[in-house]
N, C-alpha and C. Protein backbone atom coordinates (compact mmCIF):
# COMPACT_ATOMS: atom_id res chain seq x y z
N MET A 1 1.35 -0.23 -36.13
CA MET A 1 2.42 -0.94 -35.47
C MET A 1 2.00 -2.39 -35.23
N SER A 2 2.86 -3.31 -35.56
CA SER A 2 2.49 -4.71 -35.51
C SER A 2 2.50 -5.29 -34.10
N ASP A 3 3.58 -5.20 -33.38
CA ASP A 3 3.70 -5.82 -32.07
C ASP A 3 4.21 -4.78 -31.08
N SER A 4 3.48 -4.58 -29.99
CA SER A 4 3.85 -3.51 -29.05
C SER A 4 5.21 -3.73 -28.41
N THR A 5 5.69 -4.97 -28.33
CA THR A 5 6.99 -5.20 -27.71
C THR A 5 8.14 -4.90 -28.66
N THR A 6 7.88 -4.91 -29.95
CA THR A 6 8.95 -4.63 -30.90
C THR A 6 8.71 -3.35 -31.68
N ALA A 7 7.55 -2.75 -31.53
CA ALA A 7 7.22 -1.54 -32.28
C ALA A 7 8.12 -0.39 -31.83
N THR A 8 8.45 0.47 -32.78
CA THR A 8 9.26 1.64 -32.46
C THR A 8 8.57 2.88 -32.99
N ILE A 9 8.95 4.01 -32.43
CA ILE A 9 8.43 5.28 -32.91
C ILE A 9 9.06 5.53 -34.27
N GLU A 10 8.22 5.75 -35.27
CA GLU A 10 8.67 5.88 -36.65
C GLU A 10 9.80 6.89 -36.79
N GLY A 11 10.87 6.45 -37.40
CA GLY A 11 12.00 7.33 -37.68
C GLY A 11 12.98 7.50 -36.53
N THR A 12 12.66 7.00 -35.34
CA THR A 12 13.56 7.21 -34.21
C THR A 12 14.26 5.94 -33.76
N GLY A 13 13.66 4.78 -34.04
CA GLY A 13 14.25 3.52 -33.60
C GLY A 13 14.05 3.26 -32.11
N THR A 14 13.25 4.10 -31.45
CA THR A 14 13.02 3.90 -30.02
C THR A 14 11.60 3.40 -29.76
N LYS A 15 11.45 2.62 -28.71
CA LYS A 15 10.15 2.08 -28.32
C LYS A 15 9.35 3.19 -27.63
N PRO A 16 8.05 3.28 -27.89
CA PRO A 16 7.24 4.30 -27.21
C PRO A 16 7.18 4.03 -25.71
N ALA A 17 6.92 5.07 -24.95
CA ALA A 17 6.83 4.95 -23.50
C ALA A 17 5.65 4.09 -23.10
N ASP A 18 5.78 3.35 -22.00
CA ASP A 18 4.68 2.56 -21.46
C ASP A 18 3.65 3.46 -20.80
N VAL A 19 4.12 4.52 -20.15
CA VAL A 19 3.26 5.46 -19.43
C VAL A 19 3.75 6.87 -19.74
N VAL A 20 2.82 7.79 -19.94
CA VAL A 20 3.17 9.20 -20.13
C VAL A 20 2.40 9.99 -19.08
N VAL A 21 3.13 10.86 -18.36
CA VAL A 21 2.54 11.70 -17.33
C VAL A 21 2.79 13.15 -17.71
N ARG A 22 1.72 13.96 -17.72
CA ARG A 22 1.84 15.38 -18.05
C ARG A 22 1.16 16.19 -16.97
N GLY A 23 1.78 17.31 -16.64
CA GLY A 23 1.18 18.17 -15.64
C GLY A 23 1.47 19.63 -15.89
N ASP A 24 0.60 20.44 -15.40
CA ASP A 24 0.76 21.88 -15.43
C ASP A 24 1.68 22.24 -14.26
N ALA A 25 2.71 23.02 -14.50
CA ALA A 25 3.69 23.34 -13.47
C ALA A 25 3.13 24.17 -12.32
N SER A 26 1.89 24.62 -12.43
CA SER A 26 1.32 25.46 -11.37
C SER A 26 0.76 24.66 -10.20
N GLY A 27 0.70 23.33 -10.32
CA GLY A 27 0.15 22.52 -9.24
C GLY A 27 0.62 21.08 -9.34
N PHE A 28 0.05 20.23 -8.49
CA PHE A 28 0.45 18.83 -8.43
C PHE A 28 -0.35 17.91 -9.34
N LEU A 29 -1.53 18.31 -9.77
CA LEU A 29 -2.40 17.44 -10.54
C LEU A 29 -1.72 17.01 -11.85
N GLN A 30 -1.74 15.71 -12.11
CA GLN A 30 -1.09 15.13 -13.28
C GLN A 30 -2.10 14.30 -14.06
N GLU A 31 -1.98 14.32 -15.38
CA GLU A 31 -2.77 13.47 -16.26
C GLU A 31 -1.86 12.34 -16.71
N ILE A 32 -2.36 11.12 -16.64
CA ILE A 32 -1.56 9.94 -16.92
C ILE A 32 -2.23 9.13 -18.04
N VAL A 33 -1.42 8.69 -19.01
CA VAL A 33 -1.91 7.81 -20.06
C VAL A 33 -1.06 6.54 -19.99
N SER A 34 -1.75 5.41 -19.86
CA SER A 34 -1.11 4.10 -19.83
C SER A 34 -1.84 3.25 -20.85
N GLY A 35 -1.29 3.16 -22.05
CA GLY A 35 -1.99 2.45 -23.12
C GLY A 35 -3.31 3.14 -23.41
N ALA A 36 -4.40 2.39 -23.35
CA ALA A 36 -5.73 2.95 -23.60
C ALA A 36 -6.37 3.54 -22.34
N HIS A 37 -5.64 3.53 -21.22
CA HIS A 37 -6.21 3.96 -19.94
C HIS A 37 -5.75 5.36 -19.57
N GLN A 38 -6.69 6.14 -19.05
CA GLN A 38 -6.38 7.49 -18.60
C GLN A 38 -6.61 7.56 -17.09
N LEU A 39 -5.61 8.07 -16.38
CA LEU A 39 -5.65 8.18 -14.93
C LEU A 39 -5.22 9.59 -14.54
N ARG A 40 -5.32 9.87 -13.26
CA ARG A 40 -4.84 11.15 -12.74
C ARG A 40 -4.09 10.89 -11.43
N ALA A 41 -3.22 11.78 -11.07
CA ALA A 41 -2.53 11.73 -9.79
C ALA A 41 -2.52 13.13 -9.20
N ASP A 42 -2.55 13.22 -7.90
CA ASP A 42 -2.54 14.51 -7.21
C ASP A 42 -1.94 14.29 -5.82
N GLU A 43 -1.84 15.32 -5.08
CA GLU A 43 -1.39 15.25 -3.69
C GLU A 43 -2.53 15.71 -2.79
N PRO A 44 -2.51 15.31 -1.53
CA PRO A 44 -3.55 15.77 -0.59
C PRO A 44 -3.49 17.28 -0.37
N VAL A 45 -4.58 17.83 0.07
CA VAL A 45 -4.68 19.27 0.32
C VAL A 45 -3.64 19.72 1.34
N ASP A 46 -3.38 18.91 2.37
CA ASP A 46 -2.46 19.33 3.43
C ASP A 46 -1.01 19.50 2.97
N VAL A 47 -0.68 19.02 1.77
CA VAL A 47 0.67 19.25 1.23
C VAL A 47 0.63 20.12 -0.03
N GLY A 48 -0.51 20.77 -0.28
CA GLY A 48 -0.60 21.71 -1.38
C GLY A 48 -1.30 21.22 -2.62
N GLY A 49 -1.79 20.01 -2.61
CA GLY A 49 -2.51 19.49 -3.76
C GLY A 49 -3.99 19.76 -3.66
N GLY A 50 -4.74 19.25 -4.60
CA GLY A 50 -6.18 19.42 -4.62
C GLY A 50 -6.93 18.16 -4.21
N ASP A 51 -6.21 17.07 -3.94
CA ASP A 51 -6.79 15.78 -3.56
C ASP A 51 -7.81 15.30 -4.60
N ALA A 52 -7.51 15.55 -5.88
CA ALA A 52 -8.42 15.18 -6.96
C ALA A 52 -8.19 13.74 -7.44
N ALA A 53 -7.15 13.09 -6.94
CA ALA A 53 -6.81 11.75 -7.40
C ALA A 53 -5.83 11.13 -6.42
N PRO A 54 -5.56 9.84 -6.55
CA PRO A 54 -4.56 9.22 -5.68
C PRO A 54 -3.19 9.87 -5.87
N GLY A 55 -2.36 9.77 -4.85
CA GLY A 55 -1.01 10.29 -4.91
C GLY A 55 -0.03 9.27 -5.47
N PRO A 56 1.19 9.68 -5.75
CA PRO A 56 2.18 8.76 -6.33
C PRO A 56 2.42 7.50 -5.49
N TYR A 57 2.52 7.64 -4.18
CA TYR A 57 2.73 6.44 -3.35
C TYR A 57 1.50 5.55 -3.35
N ASP A 58 0.32 6.13 -3.50
CA ASP A 58 -0.89 5.31 -3.62
C ASP A 58 -0.79 4.40 -4.84
N TYR A 59 -0.25 4.93 -5.94
CA TYR A 59 -0.11 4.12 -7.15
C TYR A 59 0.93 3.02 -6.97
N VAL A 60 1.98 3.27 -6.20
CA VAL A 60 2.94 2.21 -5.89
C VAL A 60 2.22 1.09 -5.14
N LEU A 61 1.40 1.47 -4.14
CA LEU A 61 0.66 0.48 -3.37
C LEU A 61 -0.37 -0.24 -4.24
N VAL A 62 -1.03 0.50 -5.14
CA VAL A 62 -2.00 -0.11 -6.06
C VAL A 62 -1.30 -1.18 -6.90
N GLY A 63 -0.15 -0.86 -7.45
CA GLY A 63 0.58 -1.82 -8.29
C GLY A 63 0.96 -3.07 -7.51
N LEU A 64 1.48 -2.88 -6.30
CA LEU A 64 1.87 -4.02 -5.47
C LEU A 64 0.65 -4.84 -5.06
N GLY A 65 -0.41 -4.18 -4.63
CA GLY A 65 -1.61 -4.89 -4.18
C GLY A 65 -2.28 -5.66 -5.30
N ALA A 66 -2.40 -5.03 -6.47
CA ALA A 66 -3.02 -5.71 -7.62
C ALA A 66 -2.20 -6.91 -8.04
N CYS A 67 -0.90 -6.74 -8.12
CA CYS A 67 -0.02 -7.84 -8.54
C CYS A 67 -0.08 -8.98 -7.53
N THR A 68 -0.08 -8.65 -6.25
CA THR A 68 -0.15 -9.67 -5.20
C THR A 68 -1.43 -10.48 -5.33
N SER A 69 -2.56 -9.79 -5.46
CA SER A 69 -3.84 -10.47 -5.58
C SER A 69 -3.91 -11.32 -6.84
N MET A 70 -3.44 -10.78 -7.96
CA MET A 70 -3.45 -11.53 -9.22
C MET A 70 -2.58 -12.78 -9.15
N THR A 71 -1.41 -12.65 -8.54
CA THR A 71 -0.47 -13.77 -8.43
C THR A 71 -1.04 -14.88 -7.56
N VAL A 72 -1.60 -14.51 -6.41
CA VAL A 72 -2.20 -15.48 -5.50
C VAL A 72 -3.39 -16.18 -6.18
N GLY A 73 -4.23 -15.40 -6.85
CA GLY A 73 -5.39 -15.97 -7.54
C GLY A 73 -4.98 -16.93 -8.65
N LEU A 74 -3.98 -16.54 -9.43
CA LEU A 74 -3.50 -17.40 -10.52
C LEU A 74 -2.97 -18.72 -9.97
N TYR A 75 -2.19 -18.64 -8.90
CA TYR A 75 -1.63 -19.86 -8.31
C TYR A 75 -2.74 -20.79 -7.83
N ALA A 76 -3.72 -20.22 -7.12
CA ALA A 76 -4.83 -21.03 -6.61
C ALA A 76 -5.64 -21.65 -7.75
N ARG A 77 -5.88 -20.88 -8.83
CA ARG A 77 -6.61 -21.43 -9.98
C ARG A 77 -5.84 -22.57 -10.63
N THR A 78 -4.52 -22.39 -10.76
CA THR A 78 -3.68 -23.42 -11.36
C THR A 78 -3.74 -24.71 -10.55
N LYS A 79 -3.74 -24.56 -9.23
CA LYS A 79 -3.78 -25.73 -8.33
C LYS A 79 -5.20 -26.25 -8.11
N LYS A 80 -6.20 -25.50 -8.62
CA LYS A 80 -7.62 -25.82 -8.41
C LYS A 80 -7.97 -25.86 -6.93
N TRP A 81 -7.41 -24.90 -6.19
CA TRP A 81 -7.70 -24.78 -4.76
C TRP A 81 -8.97 -23.96 -4.57
N PRO A 82 -9.69 -24.16 -3.46
CA PRO A 82 -10.98 -23.49 -3.24
C PRO A 82 -10.86 -22.04 -2.72
N LEU A 83 -10.00 -21.27 -3.30
CA LEU A 83 -9.88 -19.86 -2.94
C LEU A 83 -11.03 -19.10 -3.58
N GLU A 84 -11.75 -18.33 -2.77
CA GLU A 84 -12.91 -17.59 -3.29
C GLU A 84 -12.59 -16.12 -3.51
N ASN A 85 -12.02 -15.47 -2.52
CA ASN A 85 -11.73 -14.04 -2.62
C ASN A 85 -10.38 -13.73 -1.98
N ILE A 86 -9.78 -12.67 -2.50
CA ILE A 86 -8.49 -12.19 -2.00
C ILE A 86 -8.66 -10.72 -1.66
N SER A 87 -8.18 -10.33 -0.50
CA SER A 87 -8.20 -8.92 -0.11
C SER A 87 -6.78 -8.53 0.29
N VAL A 88 -6.26 -7.48 -0.32
CA VAL A 88 -4.90 -7.02 -0.01
C VAL A 88 -5.00 -5.57 0.47
N SER A 89 -4.62 -5.33 1.72
CA SER A 89 -4.62 -3.99 2.30
C SER A 89 -3.17 -3.57 2.49
N LEU A 90 -2.85 -2.34 2.05
CA LEU A 90 -1.46 -1.89 2.09
C LEU A 90 -1.35 -0.52 2.74
N ARG A 91 -0.22 -0.29 3.40
CA ARG A 91 0.06 1.01 4.02
C ARG A 91 1.55 1.31 3.84
N HIS A 92 1.86 2.53 3.42
CA HIS A 92 3.25 2.98 3.26
C HIS A 92 3.60 3.91 4.42
N SER A 93 4.81 3.75 4.95
CA SER A 93 5.29 4.66 5.99
C SER A 93 6.81 4.77 5.89
N ARG A 94 7.34 5.70 6.63
CA ARG A 94 8.80 5.86 6.74
C ARG A 94 9.16 5.52 8.18
N ILE A 95 10.21 4.72 8.35
CA ILE A 95 10.64 4.31 9.69
C ILE A 95 12.13 4.57 9.86
N HIS A 96 12.58 4.65 11.10
CA HIS A 96 14.01 4.74 11.39
C HIS A 96 14.63 3.37 11.13
N ALA A 97 15.71 3.34 10.39
CA ALA A 97 16.37 2.08 10.04
C ALA A 97 16.74 1.28 11.29
N LYS A 98 17.13 1.96 12.35
CA LYS A 98 17.54 1.25 13.58
C LYS A 98 16.37 0.50 14.22
N ASP A 99 15.14 0.85 13.86
CA ASP A 99 13.95 0.19 14.41
C ASP A 99 13.53 -1.04 13.61
N CYS A 100 14.29 -1.37 12.59
CA CYS A 100 13.93 -2.51 11.72
C CYS A 100 14.93 -3.64 11.94
N ALA A 101 14.53 -4.63 12.73
CA ALA A 101 15.42 -5.75 13.06
C ALA A 101 15.82 -6.56 11.83
N GLU A 102 14.89 -6.73 10.87
CA GLU A 102 15.18 -7.58 9.71
C GLU A 102 15.85 -6.84 8.55
N CYS A 103 16.10 -5.54 8.70
CA CYS A 103 16.68 -4.74 7.61
C CYS A 103 18.20 -4.70 7.70
N GLU A 104 18.84 -4.72 6.52
CA GLU A 104 20.31 -4.61 6.47
C GLU A 104 20.77 -3.21 6.81
N THR A 105 20.08 -2.20 6.31
CA THR A 105 20.44 -0.81 6.57
C THR A 105 20.11 -0.46 8.01
N LYS A 106 21.03 0.19 8.70
CA LYS A 106 20.80 0.54 10.10
C LYS A 106 20.86 2.04 10.37
N ASP A 107 21.15 2.84 9.34
CA ASP A 107 21.23 4.29 9.50
C ASP A 107 20.17 4.97 8.64
N GLY A 108 19.66 6.11 9.14
CA GLY A 108 18.73 6.92 8.37
C GLY A 108 17.31 6.38 8.42
N MET A 109 16.56 6.73 7.39
CA MET A 109 15.15 6.35 7.29
C MET A 109 14.97 5.32 6.17
N LEU A 110 13.95 4.48 6.33
CA LEU A 110 13.60 3.48 5.33
C LEU A 110 12.12 3.59 4.99
N ASP A 111 11.79 3.19 3.79
CA ASP A 111 10.39 3.07 3.42
C ASP A 111 9.92 1.69 3.88
N ARG A 112 8.71 1.65 4.43
CA ARG A 112 8.12 0.38 4.84
C ARG A 112 6.74 0.28 4.20
N ILE A 113 6.44 -0.90 3.68
CA ILE A 113 5.11 -1.19 3.16
C ILE A 113 4.57 -2.37 3.96
N ASP A 114 3.49 -2.13 4.69
CA ASP A 114 2.80 -3.19 5.42
C ASP A 114 1.70 -3.72 4.52
N VAL A 115 1.67 -5.05 4.35
CA VAL A 115 0.69 -5.70 3.49
C VAL A 115 -0.05 -6.74 4.31
N GLU A 116 -1.37 -6.64 4.31
CA GLU A 116 -2.21 -7.62 5.00
C GLU A 116 -3.06 -8.31 3.93
N ILE A 117 -3.01 -9.64 3.92
CA ILE A 117 -3.70 -10.41 2.89
C ILE A 117 -4.79 -11.26 3.52
N GLY A 118 -6.01 -11.08 3.02
CA GLY A 118 -7.14 -11.90 3.46
C GLY A 118 -7.48 -12.90 2.37
N LEU A 119 -7.63 -14.15 2.77
CA LEU A 119 -7.97 -15.23 1.84
C LEU A 119 -9.24 -15.90 2.33
N SER A 120 -10.27 -15.95 1.49
CA SER A 120 -11.49 -16.65 1.90
C SER A 120 -11.69 -17.88 1.04
N GLY A 121 -12.30 -18.87 1.61
CA GLY A 121 -12.53 -20.13 0.93
C GLY A 121 -12.13 -21.28 1.84
N ALA A 122 -12.52 -22.47 1.48
CA ALA A 122 -12.26 -23.67 2.30
C ALA A 122 -10.84 -24.18 2.08
N LEU A 123 -9.87 -23.36 2.43
CA LEU A 123 -8.47 -23.71 2.24
C LEU A 123 -7.92 -24.43 3.48
N THR A 124 -7.00 -25.35 3.26
CA THR A 124 -6.32 -25.99 4.38
C THR A 124 -5.27 -25.02 4.92
N PRO A 125 -4.79 -25.22 6.15
CA PRO A 125 -3.71 -24.37 6.67
C PRO A 125 -2.46 -24.40 5.76
N GLU A 126 -2.19 -25.56 5.18
CA GLU A 126 -1.03 -25.68 4.28
C GLU A 126 -1.23 -24.86 3.01
N GLN A 127 -2.45 -24.87 2.47
CA GLN A 127 -2.74 -24.08 1.28
C GLN A 127 -2.63 -22.59 1.59
N ARG A 128 -3.16 -22.16 2.73
CA ARG A 128 -3.05 -20.75 3.13
C ARG A 128 -1.59 -20.33 3.25
N ALA A 129 -0.78 -21.17 3.89
CA ALA A 129 0.64 -20.86 4.06
C ALA A 129 1.34 -20.75 2.71
N LYS A 130 1.03 -21.66 1.78
CA LYS A 130 1.65 -21.63 0.45
C LYS A 130 1.22 -20.38 -0.31
N LEU A 131 -0.06 -19.99 -0.20
CA LEU A 131 -0.53 -18.78 -0.89
C LEU A 131 0.15 -17.53 -0.31
N MET A 132 0.41 -17.51 0.99
CA MET A 132 1.13 -16.37 1.58
C MET A 132 2.58 -16.33 1.07
N GLU A 133 3.17 -17.49 0.92
CA GLU A 133 4.53 -17.56 0.35
C GLU A 133 4.52 -17.04 -1.09
N ILE A 134 3.54 -17.47 -1.86
CA ILE A 134 3.41 -17.05 -3.26
C ILE A 134 3.19 -15.54 -3.35
N ALA A 135 2.44 -14.98 -2.41
CA ALA A 135 2.18 -13.53 -2.40
C ALA A 135 3.47 -12.73 -2.43
N GLY A 136 4.49 -13.21 -1.73
CA GLY A 136 5.77 -12.52 -1.68
C GLY A 136 6.61 -12.70 -2.94
N LYS A 137 6.10 -13.46 -3.89
CA LYS A 137 6.83 -13.72 -5.13
C LYS A 137 6.21 -13.04 -6.34
N CYS A 138 5.21 -12.17 -6.12
CA CYS A 138 4.62 -11.51 -7.28
C CYS A 138 5.68 -10.64 -7.95
N PRO A 139 5.59 -10.45 -9.26
CA PRO A 139 6.62 -9.69 -9.97
C PRO A 139 6.85 -8.27 -9.44
N VAL A 140 5.80 -7.56 -9.05
CA VAL A 140 6.00 -6.20 -8.54
C VAL A 140 6.72 -6.24 -7.19
N HIS A 141 6.37 -7.19 -6.34
CA HIS A 141 7.07 -7.35 -5.06
C HIS A 141 8.56 -7.58 -5.31
N ARG A 142 8.87 -8.48 -6.23
CA ARG A 142 10.27 -8.77 -6.55
C ARG A 142 10.97 -7.53 -7.10
N THR A 143 10.28 -6.77 -7.94
CA THR A 143 10.87 -5.54 -8.49
C THR A 143 11.18 -4.54 -7.38
N LEU A 144 10.23 -4.33 -6.48
CA LEU A 144 10.43 -3.35 -5.41
C LEU A 144 11.53 -3.77 -4.44
N LYS A 145 11.76 -5.07 -4.30
CA LYS A 145 12.81 -5.57 -3.40
C LYS A 145 14.18 -5.65 -4.09
N SER A 146 14.21 -5.49 -5.42
CA SER A 146 15.47 -5.62 -6.15
C SER A 146 16.15 -4.26 -6.32
N GLU A 147 17.35 -4.31 -6.85
CA GLU A 147 18.02 -3.07 -7.24
C GLU A 147 17.31 -2.55 -8.48
N ILE A 148 16.96 -1.27 -8.46
CA ILE A 148 16.26 -0.67 -9.58
C ILE A 148 17.15 0.40 -10.20
N ASN A 149 17.35 0.33 -11.50
CA ASN A 149 18.16 1.29 -12.20
C ASN A 149 17.22 2.23 -12.95
N ILE A 150 17.13 3.48 -12.50
CA ILE A 150 16.26 4.46 -13.14
C ILE A 150 17.14 5.44 -13.90
N ARG A 151 16.92 5.53 -15.20
CA ARG A 151 17.74 6.41 -16.03
C ARG A 151 16.91 7.62 -16.44
N LEU A 152 17.38 8.81 -16.08
CA LEU A 152 16.71 10.07 -16.45
C LEU A 152 17.44 10.69 -17.63
N ARG A 153 16.67 11.26 -18.54
CA ARG A 153 17.28 12.01 -19.64
C ARG A 153 16.33 13.13 -20.03
N THR A 154 16.87 14.15 -20.62
CA THR A 154 16.07 15.28 -21.08
C THR A 154 15.38 14.91 -22.38
N ALA A 155 14.08 15.21 -22.46
CA ALA A 155 13.33 14.95 -23.70
C ALA A 155 13.81 15.93 -24.76
N PRO A 156 13.76 15.52 -26.02
CA PRO A 156 14.17 16.42 -27.10
C PRO A 156 13.32 17.69 -27.11
N ILE A 157 13.94 18.80 -27.47
CA ILE A 157 13.24 20.08 -27.59
C ILE A 157 12.09 19.91 -28.57
N GLY A 158 10.92 20.41 -28.21
CA GLY A 158 9.77 20.35 -29.09
C GLY A 158 8.94 19.09 -28.92
N SER A 159 9.35 18.19 -28.02
CA SER A 159 8.58 16.95 -27.87
C SER A 159 7.26 17.20 -27.15
N LEU A 160 7.12 18.34 -26.49
CA LEU A 160 5.84 18.70 -25.86
C LEU A 160 5.14 19.71 -26.75
N SER A 161 4.73 19.25 -27.93
CA SER A 161 4.07 20.16 -28.86
C SER A 161 2.74 20.61 -28.29
N GLU A 162 2.24 21.72 -28.76
CA GLU A 162 0.97 22.27 -28.28
C GLU A 162 -0.15 21.26 -28.38
N GLY A 163 -0.17 20.46 -29.45
CA GLY A 163 -1.23 19.47 -29.62
C GLY A 163 -1.16 18.35 -28.62
N ALA A 164 0.04 18.04 -28.14
CA ALA A 164 0.20 16.91 -27.22
C ALA A 164 0.04 17.33 -25.76
N GLN A 165 0.17 18.60 -25.47
CA GLN A 165 0.06 19.04 -24.08
C GLN A 165 -1.35 18.91 -23.57
N THR A 166 -1.48 18.53 -22.32
CA THR A 166 -2.79 18.37 -21.70
C THR A 166 -3.01 19.54 -20.76
N LYS A 167 -4.13 20.21 -20.92
CA LYS A 167 -4.48 21.28 -19.99
C LYS A 167 -5.09 20.65 -18.75
N ILE A 168 -4.57 20.99 -17.62
CA ILE A 168 -5.01 20.42 -16.36
C ILE A 168 -5.89 21.43 -15.63
N GLN A 169 -7.05 21.01 -15.26
CA GLN A 169 -7.94 21.85 -14.46
C GLN A 169 -7.90 21.33 -13.03
N SER A 170 -7.36 22.10 -12.12
CA SER A 170 -7.23 21.67 -10.75
C SER A 170 -8.57 21.76 -10.03
N LYS A 171 -8.82 20.75 -9.18
CA LYS A 171 -10.02 20.75 -8.35
C LYS A 171 -9.87 21.84 -7.31
N PRO A 172 -10.84 22.74 -7.17
CA PRO A 172 -10.71 23.81 -6.19
C PRO A 172 -10.58 23.24 -4.79
N THR A 173 -9.68 23.83 -4.02
CA THR A 173 -9.51 23.38 -2.65
C THR A 173 -10.63 23.92 -1.78
N GLN A 174 -11.08 23.09 -0.88
CA GLN A 174 -12.14 23.51 0.03
C GLN A 174 -11.52 24.32 1.15
N THR A 175 -12.15 25.42 1.46
CA THR A 175 -11.64 26.25 2.55
C THR A 175 -12.27 25.82 3.85
N GLY A 176 -11.68 26.29 4.95
CA GLY A 176 -12.18 25.92 6.28
C GLY A 176 -13.61 26.38 6.50
N LYS A 177 -14.16 25.96 7.64
CA LYS A 177 -15.57 26.22 7.94
C LYS A 177 -15.87 27.68 8.16
């Protein structure tokens, strides 16, 4: 395949998936392929998983945190500012909509992501303020704040051939003392 952005699956006219996730239906552990990278996802023991890997919301936070740090670093490099290190700490929670003064929705529950950004280096207060503004403009941040259209469809019969299926070995759960 010549170019990944225009390449299609031979004979189908469709672009290959960016990420493929496969799991054994007997548990939560998932095997993930993203290009040349192999990852895993699981759930904590207290919700029935084996805690063998980060959970799905952890990966959402990883994507946002990595993008935030990369965006801030790129901006500082472009400006030749003395930024040395970036630290992004994230936490996901669910809150009552009525408890969120800045939110449009006032009924039900909302997802909240708290992000704390540490910047080290001999930056001026103005540079720090600009980098914090830029942090809120990273592409993943903008995606998560925008309307997202997720289209689900059934995969063609036989697309999970025996050769393509991944056997998942679950990490044994530790029993109490």
